[in-house]
Amino acid sequence: MAGHPRYRREGELSAIDVRLNTVDQLFDNRDPAPFRERDLDPDLVEYLFAAGEDLAAHGHYKIVFWIATPCSSSEVETGYRAHMEYEVTRLERRRMRQRRTGQVSLLIGVTLLVVLLSISQLLAGNRSSGVLAIREGLAILSWVVMWRPVEALIYDWLPIRRERRIMQRLRTAPVDVRIGRGPDADLLIARDTVVTSRTK
């Protein structure tokens, strides 16, 4: 399977490169938890999710952390996987809350539907134009109140399911921690040197 043009290939895997000067940049500095339990930096999580989204249709991938200063690779991988596990759990809780909200909305909607249709039937014997308009309004309203439960139970779960699937793939992706700036960084420096020499 062909890879995404924005990402390097290492054998059969696409590589999501993350370049850091120090391991501290990996984590959210606002989080006071111990090092291994700290949340990842929100911008990093957003980048990883966007990369996972890009590569969703391009086969398997790996996460490669390029860190300029030496660090413990086990701590980096432990912190990464702990946060991704948290993200998957958070999405599962969100889906459960959404399902409960949809079930309550469905109960309320069905109750209102029965009440409104019952009132409409009680007015069935009256043929005046005003009553006919009210009956039509009640019939329309009775189906409108059902839209939110249907939306919550059938449509709203699709984006969460997709986000959860991407996070699960990120959670289980192979992780490499390498010391250095990364291959593309060296290439960019070489290009800058050529451009600078030509402009002198």
N, C-alpha and C. Protein backbone atom coordinates (compact mmCIF):
# COMPACT_ATOMS: atom_id res chain seq x y z
N MET A 1 0.85 -1.21 0.00
CA MET A 1 0.00 0.00 0.00
C MET A 1 0.88 1.25 0.00
N ALA A 2 0.59 2.19 -0.89
CA ALA A 2 1.38 3.43 -0.99
C ALA A 2 1.15 4.30 0.23
N GLY A 3 2.22 4.97 0.64
CA GLY A 3 2.12 5.86 1.79
C GLY A 3 1.62 7.24 1.41
N HIS A 4 1.39 8.04 2.43
CA HIS A 4 0.97 9.42 2.23
C HIS A 4 2.20 10.24 1.82
N PRO A 5 2.08 11.14 0.83
CA PRO A 5 3.25 11.89 0.35
C PRO A 5 3.88 12.81 1.40
N ARG A 6 3.15 13.16 2.45
CA ARG A 6 3.70 14.07 3.46
C ARG A 6 4.56 13.36 4.50
N TYR A 7 4.58 12.03 4.49
CA TYR A 7 5.25 11.29 5.55
C TYR A 7 6.30 10.34 4.98
N ARG A 8 7.40 10.21 5.69
CA ARG A 8 8.46 9.30 5.28
C ARG A 8 7.98 7.85 5.37
N ARG A 9 8.68 6.99 4.65
CA ARG A 9 8.44 5.55 4.75
C ARG A 9 9.68 4.90 5.33
N GLU A 10 9.46 3.98 6.27
CA GLU A 10 10.53 3.14 6.79
C GLU A 10 10.08 1.70 6.59
N GLY A 11 10.55 1.09 5.53
CA GLY A 11 10.10 -0.26 5.19
C GLY A 11 8.63 -0.24 4.80
N GLU A 12 7.83 -1.02 5.50
CA GLU A 12 6.41 -1.12 5.20
C GLU A 12 5.58 -0.09 5.97
N LEU A 13 6.22 0.71 6.81
CA LEU A 13 5.49 1.63 7.68
C LEU A 13 5.73 3.08 7.29
N SER A 14 4.70 3.90 7.41
CA SER A 14 4.87 5.35 7.35
C SER A 14 5.39 5.81 8.70
N ALA A 15 6.14 6.91 8.71
CA ALA A 15 6.72 7.42 9.95
C ALA A 15 6.14 8.79 10.26
N ILE A 16 5.57 8.92 11.45
CA ILE A 16 5.12 10.22 11.95
C ILE A 16 6.26 10.77 12.80
N ASP A 17 6.98 11.75 12.28
CA ASP A 17 8.15 12.29 12.97
C ASP A 17 7.74 13.41 13.92
N VAL A 18 8.27 13.34 15.14
CA VAL A 18 8.05 14.38 16.14
C VAL A 18 9.43 14.85 16.60
N ARG A 19 9.74 16.12 16.38
CA ARG A 19 11.08 16.64 16.71
C ARG A 19 11.00 17.54 17.93
N LEU A 20 11.85 17.25 18.90
CA LEU A 20 11.87 17.99 20.16
C LEU A 20 13.31 18.33 20.52
N ASN A 21 13.50 19.47 21.19
CA ASN A 21 14.83 19.80 21.70
C ASN A 21 15.11 19.04 23.00
N THR A 22 14.11 18.98 23.87
CA THR A 22 14.24 18.26 25.15
C THR A 22 12.99 17.43 25.37
N VAL A 23 13.10 16.43 26.24
CA VAL A 23 11.96 15.57 26.51
C VAL A 23 10.85 16.33 27.22
N ASP A 24 11.18 17.44 27.91
CA ASP A 24 10.16 18.22 28.60
C ASP A 24 9.13 18.79 27.64
N GLN A 25 9.53 19.03 26.39
CA GLN A 25 8.59 19.57 25.41
C GLN A 25 7.50 18.58 25.05
N LEU A 26 7.69 17.34 25.39
CA LEU A 26 6.70 16.31 25.09
C LEU A 26 5.45 16.48 25.95
N PHE A 27 5.61 17.07 27.13
CA PHE A 27 4.53 17.08 28.11
C PHE A 27 3.96 18.47 28.30
N ASP A 28 2.75 18.49 28.86
CA ASP A 28 2.05 19.74 29.16
C ASP A 28 2.64 20.30 30.46
N ASN A 29 3.28 21.47 30.37
CA ASN A 29 3.93 22.06 31.54
C ASN A 29 2.94 22.50 32.62
N ARG A 30 1.66 22.61 32.26
CA ARG A 30 0.65 23.02 33.25
C ARG A 30 0.21 21.85 34.13
N ASP A 31 0.58 20.64 33.75
CA ASP A 31 0.16 19.46 34.48
C ASP A 31 1.16 19.19 35.61
N PRO A 32 0.71 19.23 36.88
CA PRO A 32 1.63 19.04 38.01
C PRO A 32 1.90 17.58 38.35
N ALA A 33 1.33 16.65 37.61
CA ALA A 33 1.49 15.23 37.93
C ALA A 33 2.95 14.79 37.75
N PRO A 34 3.33 13.66 38.36
CA PRO A 34 4.69 13.13 38.14
C PRO A 34 4.98 12.92 36.67
N PHE A 35 6.27 12.88 36.33
CA PHE A 35 6.72 12.89 34.93
C PHE A 35 5.99 11.86 34.08
N ARG A 36 5.95 10.60 34.51
CA ARG A 36 5.37 9.55 33.68
C ARG A 36 3.85 9.64 33.60
N GLU A 37 3.23 10.40 34.50
CA GLU A 37 1.77 10.48 34.51
C GLU A 37 1.26 11.79 33.92
N ARG A 38 2.15 12.63 33.44
CA ARG A 38 1.73 13.92 32.92
C ARG A 38 1.08 13.78 31.55
N ASP A 39 0.17 14.72 31.26
CA ASP A 39 -0.46 14.75 29.94
C ASP A 39 0.54 15.21 28.89
N LEU A 40 0.34 14.72 27.67
CA LEU A 40 1.15 15.23 26.57
C LEU A 40 0.74 16.66 26.24
N ASP A 41 1.64 17.39 25.61
CA ASP A 41 1.34 18.75 25.19
C ASP A 41 0.14 18.75 24.24
N PRO A 42 -0.86 19.61 24.47
CA PRO A 42 -2.06 19.60 23.62
C PRO A 42 -1.76 19.80 22.13
N ASP A 43 -0.78 20.65 21.80
CA ASP A 43 -0.43 20.85 20.39
C ASP A 43 0.15 19.58 19.78
N LEU A 44 0.90 18.83 20.58
CA LEU A 44 1.46 17.57 20.10
C LEU A 44 0.34 16.56 19.84
N VAL A 45 -0.61 16.48 20.76
CA VAL A 45 -1.73 15.54 20.59
C VAL A 45 -2.52 15.90 19.33
N GLU A 46 -2.72 17.19 19.12
CA GLU A 46 -3.45 17.64 17.92
C GLU A 46 -2.69 17.25 16.65
N TYR A 47 -1.36 17.42 16.68
CA TYR A 47 -0.54 17.05 15.51
C TYR A 47 -0.60 15.54 15.26
N LEU A 48 -0.49 14.74 16.33
CA LEU A 48 -0.52 13.29 16.18
C LEU A 48 -1.88 12.83 15.64
N PHE A 49 -2.96 13.45 16.15
CA PHE A 49 -4.29 13.08 15.67
C PHE A 49 -4.44 13.42 14.18
N ALA A 50 -3.97 14.61 13.79
CA ALA A 50 -4.06 15.01 12.38
C ALA A 50 -3.25 14.06 11.50
N ALA A 51 -2.06 13.65 11.99
CA ALA A 51 -1.25 12.71 11.22
C ALA A 51 -1.93 11.35 11.13
N GLY A 52 -2.51 10.90 12.25
CA GLY A 52 -3.24 9.64 12.24
C GLY A 52 -4.42 9.68 11.29
N GLU A 53 -5.06 10.84 11.22
CA GLU A 53 -6.18 11.03 10.30
C GLU A 53 -5.69 10.97 8.85
N ASP A 54 -4.55 11.63 8.58
CA ASP A 54 -3.98 11.60 7.22
C ASP A 54 -3.66 10.17 6.78
N LEU A 55 -3.14 9.37 7.72
CA LEU A 55 -2.64 8.05 7.38
C LEU A 55 -3.67 6.94 7.60
N ALA A 56 -4.90 7.30 7.92
CA ALA A 56 -5.93 6.30 8.22
C ALA A 56 -6.14 5.33 7.07
N ALA A 57 -6.00 5.82 5.85
CA ALA A 57 -6.23 4.97 4.68
C ALA A 57 -4.94 4.51 4.00
N HIS A 58 -3.81 4.68 4.71
CA HIS A 58 -2.52 4.37 4.10
C HIS A 58 -1.76 3.28 4.85
N GLY A 59 -2.46 2.38 5.48
CA GLY A 59 -1.79 1.26 6.14
C GLY A 59 -1.25 1.63 7.51
N HIS A 60 -0.32 0.80 8.00
CA HIS A 60 0.22 0.97 9.35
C HIS A 60 1.29 2.06 9.37
N TYR A 61 1.51 2.60 10.57
CA TYR A 61 2.52 3.64 10.73
C TYR A 61 3.19 3.49 12.09
N LYS A 62 4.24 4.27 12.27
CA LYS A 62 4.96 4.28 13.54
C LYS A 62 5.18 5.73 13.97
N ILE A 63 5.40 5.93 15.26
CA ILE A 63 5.71 7.25 15.80
C ILE A 63 7.20 7.30 16.08
N VAL A 64 7.89 8.29 15.52
CA VAL A 64 9.33 8.43 15.74
C VAL A 64 9.59 9.76 16.44
N PHE A 65 10.04 9.68 17.69
CA PHE A 65 10.41 10.88 18.44
C PHE A 65 11.89 11.16 18.24
N TRP A 66 12.19 12.31 17.65
CA TRP A 66 13.57 12.77 17.49
C TRP A 66 13.84 13.81 18.58
N ILE A 67 14.72 13.49 19.51
CA ILE A 67 14.98 14.37 20.64
C ILE A 67 16.45 14.76 20.61
N ALA A 68 16.72 16.06 20.63
CA ALA A 68 18.09 16.56 20.44
C ALA A 68 19.00 16.18 21.60
N THR A 69 18.47 16.13 22.82
CA THR A 69 19.30 15.81 23.98
C THR A 69 18.99 14.40 24.46
N PRO A 70 19.98 13.67 24.97
CA PRO A 70 19.75 12.29 25.43
C PRO A 70 18.67 12.21 26.52
N CYS A 71 17.88 11.14 26.47
CA CYS A 71 16.82 10.94 27.44
C CYS A 71 16.50 9.45 27.52
N SER A 72 15.64 9.10 28.46
CA SER A 72 15.23 7.71 28.62
C SER A 72 14.10 7.39 27.65
N SER A 73 14.35 6.47 26.72
CA SER A 73 13.33 6.12 25.73
C SER A 73 12.12 5.45 26.39
N SER A 74 12.35 4.70 27.47
CA SER A 74 11.23 4.03 28.14
C SER A 74 10.28 5.04 28.76
N GLU A 75 10.81 6.13 29.30
CA GLU A 75 9.95 7.15 29.90
C GLU A 75 9.11 7.85 28.84
N VAL A 76 9.71 8.09 27.68
CA VAL A 76 8.98 8.73 26.58
C VAL A 76 7.84 7.83 26.12
N GLU A 77 8.14 6.56 25.89
CA GLU A 77 7.10 5.64 25.41
C GLU A 77 6.03 5.42 26.46
N THR A 78 6.44 5.31 27.74
CA THR A 78 5.46 5.13 28.81
C THR A 78 4.51 6.31 28.90
N GLY A 79 5.08 7.53 28.84
CA GLY A 79 4.24 8.73 28.90
C GLY A 79 3.32 8.83 27.71
N TYR A 80 3.83 8.49 26.52
CA TYR A 80 3.02 8.54 25.31
C TYR A 80 1.85 7.56 25.39
N ARG A 81 2.13 6.32 25.73
CA ARG A 81 1.07 5.31 25.75
C ARG A 81 0.06 5.58 26.86
N ALA A 82 0.52 6.08 28.00
CA ALA A 82 -0.41 6.41 29.08
C ALA A 82 -1.39 7.49 28.65
N HIS A 83 -0.89 8.49 27.93
CA HIS A 83 -1.78 9.55 27.50
C HIS A 83 -2.75 9.07 26.43
N MET A 84 -2.29 8.27 25.50
CA MET A 84 -3.18 7.75 24.47
C MET A 84 -4.25 6.83 25.06
N GLU A 85 -3.88 6.08 26.07
CA GLU A 85 -4.86 5.26 26.78
C GLU A 85 -5.92 6.15 27.43
N TYR A 86 -5.47 7.25 28.02
CA TYR A 86 -6.39 8.21 28.62
C TYR A 86 -7.33 8.79 27.56
N GLU A 87 -6.80 9.13 26.38
CA GLU A 87 -7.62 9.71 25.32
C GLU A 87 -8.70 8.72 24.86
N VAL A 88 -8.34 7.46 24.69
CA VAL A 88 -9.32 6.45 24.28
C VAL A 88 -10.39 6.28 25.35
N THR A 89 -9.97 6.23 26.62
CA THR A 89 -10.94 6.11 27.72
C THR A 89 -11.86 7.31 27.78
N ARG A 90 -11.31 8.50 27.55
CA ARG A 90 -12.12 9.73 27.57
C ARG A 90 -13.19 9.68 26.48
N LEU A 91 -12.81 9.21 25.30
CA LEU A 91 -13.78 9.11 24.21
C LEU A 91 -14.84 8.06 24.49
N GLU A 92 -14.46 6.97 25.15
CA GLU A 92 -15.44 5.95 25.52
C GLU A 92 -16.45 6.50 26.53
N ARG A 93 -15.95 7.27 27.51
CA ARG A 93 -16.86 7.90 28.49
C ARG A 93 -17.78 8.89 27.80
N ARG A 94 -17.23 9.65 26.87
CA ARG A 94 -18.05 10.63 26.13
C ARG A 94 -19.15 9.94 25.35
N ARG A 95 -18.82 8.81 24.73
CA ARG A 95 -19.82 8.06 23.98
C ARG A 95 -20.90 7.50 24.90
N MET A 96 -20.52 7.03 26.08
CA MET A 96 -21.50 6.51 27.05
C MET A 96 -22.43 7.61 27.52
N ARG A 97 -21.86 8.81 27.82
CA ARG A 97 -22.71 9.94 28.22
C ARG A 97 -23.66 10.32 27.11
N GLN A 98 -23.16 10.31 25.89
CA GLN A 98 -24.00 10.65 24.74
C GLN A 98 -25.13 9.65 24.57
N ARG A 99 -24.82 8.36 24.77
CA ARG A 99 -25.85 7.33 24.64
C ARG A 99 -26.93 7.50 25.71
N ARG A 100 -26.51 7.80 26.94
CA ARG A 100 -27.50 8.02 28.01
C ARG A 100 -28.36 9.23 27.71
N THR A 101 -27.73 10.31 27.22
CA THR A 101 -28.49 11.50 26.85
C THR A 101 -29.49 11.19 25.75
N GLY A 102 -29.07 10.40 24.76
CA GLY A 102 -29.97 10.01 23.68
C GLY A 102 -31.13 9.17 24.17
N GLN A 103 -30.86 8.28 25.12
CA GLN A 103 -31.93 7.43 25.65
C GLN A 103 -32.96 8.25 26.43
N VAL A 104 -32.46 9.20 27.24
CA VAL A 104 -33.38 10.08 27.98
C VAL A 104 -34.18 10.94 27.00
N SER A 105 -33.48 11.48 25.99
CA SER A 105 -34.16 12.29 24.98
C SER A 105 -35.22 11.49 24.24
N LEU A 106 -34.92 10.21 23.98
CA LEU A 106 -35.88 9.36 23.29
C LEU A 106 -37.12 9.13 24.14
N LEU A 107 -36.91 8.91 25.44
CA LEU A 107 -38.04 8.72 26.35
C LEU A 107 -38.93 9.96 26.38
N ILE A 108 -38.29 11.12 26.50
CA ILE A 108 -39.05 12.38 26.52
C ILE A 108 -39.75 12.59 25.18
N GLY A 109 -39.04 12.32 24.09
CA GLY A 109 -39.62 12.52 22.77
C GLY A 109 -40.82 11.63 22.52
N VAL A 110 -40.72 10.35 22.91
CA VAL A 110 -41.85 9.43 22.71
C VAL A 110 -43.05 9.86 23.55
N THR A 111 -42.78 10.32 24.78
CA THR A 111 -43.87 10.78 25.64
C THR A 111 -44.57 11.98 25.02
N LEU A 112 -43.77 12.95 24.55
CA LEU A 112 -44.36 14.13 23.92
C LEU A 112 -45.10 13.75 22.64
N LEU A 113 -44.56 12.80 21.88
CA LEU A 113 -45.19 12.36 20.66
C LEU A 113 -46.59 11.79 20.94
N VAL A 114 -46.68 10.95 21.98
CA VAL A 114 -47.97 10.35 22.34
C VAL A 114 -48.95 11.43 22.78
N VAL A 115 -48.48 12.37 23.61
CA VAL A 115 -49.35 13.43 24.11
C VAL A 115 -49.86 14.30 22.97
N LEU A 116 -48.95 14.73 22.11
CA LEU A 116 -49.33 15.63 21.03
C LEU A 116 -50.28 14.95 20.03
N LEU A 117 -50.00 13.69 19.70
CA LEU A 117 -50.89 12.98 18.77
C LEU A 117 -52.25 12.70 19.41
N SER A 118 -52.26 12.49 20.73
CA SER A 118 -53.53 12.27 21.43
C SER A 118 -54.38 13.54 21.40
N ILE A 119 -53.75 14.68 21.64
CA ILE A 119 -54.48 15.95 21.56
C ILE A 119 -55.00 16.17 20.16
N SER A 120 -54.17 15.85 19.16
CA SER A 120 -54.59 16.00 17.77
C SER A 120 -55.81 15.13 17.46
N GLN A 121 -55.85 13.93 17.99
CA GLN A 121 -56.99 13.03 17.76
C GLN A 121 -58.25 13.54 18.46
N LEU A 122 -58.07 14.16 19.63
CA LEU A 122 -59.23 14.71 20.35
C LEU A 122 -59.87 15.84 19.56
N LEU A 123 -59.07 16.53 18.78
CA LEU A 123 -59.59 17.64 17.98
C LEU A 123 -60.09 17.20 16.61
N ALA A 124 -60.04 15.89 16.35
CA ALA A 124 -60.37 15.39 15.01
C ALA A 124 -61.81 15.67 14.62
N GLY A 125 -62.70 15.72 15.59
CA GLY A 125 -64.12 15.92 15.26
C GLY A 125 -64.45 17.34 14.86
N ASN A 126 -63.61 18.28 15.19
CA ASN A 126 -63.87 19.68 14.89
C ASN A 126 -63.25 20.02 13.53
N ARG A 127 -64.08 20.47 12.58
CA ARG A 127 -63.61 20.73 11.22
C ARG A 127 -63.34 22.20 10.92
N SER A 128 -63.37 23.05 11.93
CA SER A 128 -63.13 24.47 11.68
C SER A 128 -61.68 24.69 11.24
N SER A 129 -61.49 25.77 10.48
CA SER A 129 -60.16 26.02 9.91
C SER A 129 -59.10 26.23 11.00
N GLY A 130 -59.50 26.91 12.09
CA GLY A 130 -58.54 27.15 13.17
C GLY A 130 -58.09 25.86 13.82
N VAL A 131 -59.03 24.96 14.07
CA VAL A 131 -58.70 23.68 14.71
C VAL A 131 -57.88 22.82 13.77
N LEU A 132 -58.20 22.85 12.47
CA LEU A 132 -57.41 22.09 11.50
C LEU A 132 -55.95 22.56 11.48
N ALA A 133 -55.76 23.87 11.57
CA ALA A 133 -54.40 24.42 11.60
C ALA A 133 -53.66 23.96 12.85
N ILE A 134 -54.39 23.95 14.00
CA ILE A 134 -53.78 23.48 15.25
C ILE A 134 -53.39 22.00 15.14
N ARG A 135 -54.30 21.20 14.55
CA ARG A 135 -54.00 19.77 14.40
C ARG A 135 -52.77 19.53 13.53
N GLU A 136 -52.68 20.29 12.44
CA GLU A 136 -51.51 20.16 11.58
C GLU A 136 -50.23 20.56 12.31
N GLY A 137 -50.35 21.63 13.09
CA GLY A 137 -49.19 22.09 13.87
C GLY A 137 -48.77 21.06 14.90
N LEU A 138 -49.73 20.43 15.57
CA LEU A 138 -49.41 19.40 16.56
C LEU A 138 -48.76 18.19 15.91
N ALA A 139 -49.24 17.81 14.72
CA ALA A 139 -48.66 16.66 14.02
C ALA A 139 -47.21 16.93 13.62
N ILE A 140 -46.97 18.15 13.12
CA ILE A 140 -45.61 18.51 12.74
C ILE A 140 -44.71 18.56 13.98
N LEU A 141 -45.22 19.20 15.05
CA LEU A 141 -44.43 19.33 16.28
C LEU A 141 -44.12 17.96 16.88
N SER A 142 -45.05 17.02 16.78
CA SER A 142 -44.84 15.70 17.36
C SER A 142 -43.66 14.97 16.72
N TRP A 143 -43.43 15.21 15.42
CA TRP A 143 -42.29 14.58 14.76
C TRP A 143 -41.01 15.40 14.94
N VAL A 144 -41.15 16.71 15.10
CA VAL A 144 -39.97 17.54 15.35
C VAL A 144 -39.31 17.16 16.67
N VAL A 145 -40.13 16.87 17.70
CA VAL A 145 -39.55 16.55 19.01
C VAL A 145 -38.76 15.24 18.97
N MET A 146 -38.97 14.44 17.94
CA MET A 146 -38.24 13.18 17.84
C MET A 146 -36.89 13.34 17.15
N TRP A 147 -36.64 14.51 16.56
CA TRP A 147 -35.41 14.67 15.79
C TRP A 147 -34.16 14.58 16.67
N ARG A 148 -34.19 15.26 17.84
CA ARG A 148 -33.00 15.25 18.69
C ARG A 148 -32.66 13.85 19.19
N PRO A 149 -33.60 13.05 19.68
CA PRO A 149 -33.24 11.68 20.07
C PRO A 149 -32.67 10.86 18.92
N VAL A 150 -33.26 11.00 17.72
CA VAL A 150 -32.74 10.27 16.56
C VAL A 150 -31.32 10.73 16.24
N GLU A 151 -31.08 12.05 16.30
CA GLU A 151 -29.75 12.59 16.02
C GLU A 151 -28.73 12.08 17.02
N ALA A 152 -29.10 12.08 18.32
CA ALA A 152 -28.17 11.66 19.37
C ALA A 152 -27.84 10.18 19.28
N LEU A 153 -28.83 9.36 18.95
CA LEU A 153 -28.63 7.91 18.97
C LEU A 153 -28.05 7.36 17.65
N ILE A 154 -28.29 8.06 16.55
CA ILE A 154 -27.89 7.51 15.25
C ILE A 154 -26.75 8.29 14.61
N TYR A 155 -26.79 9.62 14.65
CA TYR A 155 -25.84 10.41 13.88
C TYR A 155 -24.65 10.92 14.69
N ASP A 156 -24.88 11.35 15.94
CA ASP A 156 -23.81 11.98 16.72
C ASP A 156 -22.67 11.03 17.05
N TRP A 157 -22.91 9.73 17.09
CA TRP A 157 -21.87 8.79 17.48
C TRP A 157 -20.83 8.57 16.38
N LEU A 158 -21.16 8.93 15.13
CA LEU A 158 -20.24 8.66 14.04
C LEU A 158 -18.90 9.40 14.16
N PRO A 159 -18.89 10.73 14.45
CA PRO A 159 -17.59 11.41 14.61
C PRO A 159 -16.80 10.87 15.79
N ILE A 160 -17.47 10.54 16.89
CA ILE A 160 -16.77 10.02 18.06
C ILE A 160 -16.17 8.66 17.75
N ARG A 161 -16.91 7.84 17.03
CA ARG A 161 -16.41 6.51 16.65
C ARG A 161 -15.16 6.64 15.79
N ARG A 162 -15.18 7.59 14.86
CA ARG A 162 -14.03 7.80 13.98
C ARG A 162 -12.82 8.30 14.78
N GLU A 163 -13.06 9.27 15.68
CA GLU A 163 -11.98 9.81 16.50
C GLU A 163 -11.39 8.72 17.40
N ARG A 164 -12.27 7.90 17.97
CA ARG A 164 -11.81 6.81 18.84
C ARG A 164 -10.97 5.80 18.07
N ARG A 165 -11.37 5.49 16.84
CA ARG A 165 -10.61 4.55 16.02
C ARG A 165 -9.21 5.08 15.72
N ILE A 166 -9.09 6.38 15.43
CA ILE A 166 -7.79 6.98 15.17
C ILE A 166 -6.92 6.94 16.42
N MET A 167 -7.51 7.28 17.59
CA MET A 167 -6.76 7.27 18.84
C MET A 167 -6.32 5.86 19.21
N GLN A 168 -7.13 4.88 18.93
CA GLN A 168 -6.74 3.50 19.21
C GLN A 168 -5.54 3.08 18.36
N ARG A 169 -5.53 3.50 17.11
CA ARG A 169 -4.39 3.18 16.25
C ARG A 169 -3.13 3.89 16.73
N LEU A 170 -3.27 5.15 17.16
CA LEU A 170 -2.12 5.86 17.71
C LEU A 170 -1.62 5.19 18.98
N ARG A 171 -2.54 4.70 19.80
CA ARG A 171 -2.17 4.06 21.06
C ARG A 171 -1.33 2.80 20.84
N THR A 172 -1.67 2.04 19.81
CA THR A 172 -1.00 0.76 19.58
C THR A 172 0.14 0.85 18.56
N ALA A 173 0.36 2.02 17.97
CA ALA A 173 1.42 2.15 16.96
C ALA A 173 2.79 1.94 17.59
N PRO A 174 3.74 1.35 16.84
CA PRO A 174 5.11 1.24 17.35
C PRO A 174 5.70 2.62 17.62
N VAL A 175 6.53 2.70 18.66
CA VAL A 175 7.15 3.97 19.04
C VAL A 175 8.67 3.81 19.05
N ASP A 176 9.37 4.70 18.36
CA ASP A 176 10.83 4.76 18.39
C ASP A 176 11.25 6.09 18.98
N VAL A 177 12.26 6.04 19.84
CA VAL A 177 12.83 7.27 20.39
C VAL A 177 14.28 7.33 19.93
N ARG A 178 14.61 8.38 19.18
CA ARG A 178 15.95 8.50 18.62
C ARG A 178 16.55 9.84 19.01
N ILE A 179 17.84 9.82 19.24
CA ILE A 179 18.55 11.04 19.60
C ILE A 179 19.03 11.72 18.32
N GLY A 180 18.68 12.97 18.16
CA GLY A 180 19.08 13.72 16.97
C GLY A 180 17.97 14.62 16.49
N ARG A 181 18.21 15.28 15.37
CA ARG A 181 17.24 16.23 14.83
C ARG A 181 16.31 15.62 13.80
N GLY A 182 16.68 14.44 13.30
CA GLY A 182 15.85 13.80 12.28
C GLY A 182 16.38 14.05 10.90
N PRO A 183 16.12 13.15 9.96
CA PRO A 183 16.68 13.28 8.60
C PRO A 183 16.22 14.52 7.86
N ASP A 184 14.96 14.89 7.98
CA ASP A 184 14.46 16.06 7.26
C ASP A 184 15.08 17.35 7.80
N ALA A 185 15.34 17.38 9.10
CA ALA A 185 15.94 18.58 9.69
C ALA A 185 17.34 18.82 9.11
N ASP A 186 18.14 17.75 8.96
CA ASP A 186 19.47 17.90 8.36
C ASP A 186 19.37 18.38 6.92
N LEU A 187 18.38 17.88 6.19
CA LEU A 187 18.19 18.27 4.80
C LEU A 187 17.82 19.74 4.70
N LEU A 188 16.96 20.21 5.60
CA LEU A 188 16.56 21.61 5.58
C LEU A 188 17.75 22.53 5.87
N ILE A 189 18.61 22.12 6.83
CA ILE A 189 19.79 22.92 7.14
C ILE A 189 20.72 23.00 5.93
N ALA A 190 20.89 21.88 5.22
CA ALA A 190 21.74 21.88 4.02
C ALA A 190 21.17 22.80 2.96
N ARG A 191 19.87 22.77 2.78
CA ARG A 191 19.24 23.65 1.79
C ARG A 191 19.42 25.11 2.16
N ASP A 192 19.24 25.44 3.45
CA ASP A 192 19.43 26.82 3.89
C ASP A 192 20.85 27.28 3.63
N THR A 193 21.82 26.39 3.80
CA THR A 193 23.22 26.76 3.58
C THR A 193 23.47 27.09 2.11
N VAL A 194 22.88 26.30 1.21
CA VAL A 194 23.02 26.53 -0.23
C VAL A 194 22.40 27.86 -0.62
N VAL A 195 21.18 28.11 -0.11
CA VAL A 195 20.50 29.36 -0.45
C VAL A 195 21.29 30.55 0.06
N THR A 196 21.84 30.46 1.29
CA THR A 196 22.60 31.58 1.87
C THR A 196 23.86 31.85 1.05
N SER A 197 24.54 30.79 0.63
CA SER A 197 25.79 30.97 -0.15
C SER A 197 25.49 31.60 -1.51
N ARG A 198 24.35 31.32 -2.08
CA ARG A 198 24.02 31.87 -3.40
C ARG A 198 23.64 33.35 -3.32
N THR A 199 23.13 33.78 -2.16
CA THR A 199 22.68 35.16 -2.05
C THR A 199 23.81 36.11 -1.67
N LYS A 200 24.97 35.55 -1.29
CA LYS A 200 26.08 36.43 -0.92
C LYS A 200 26.76 37.02 -2.14
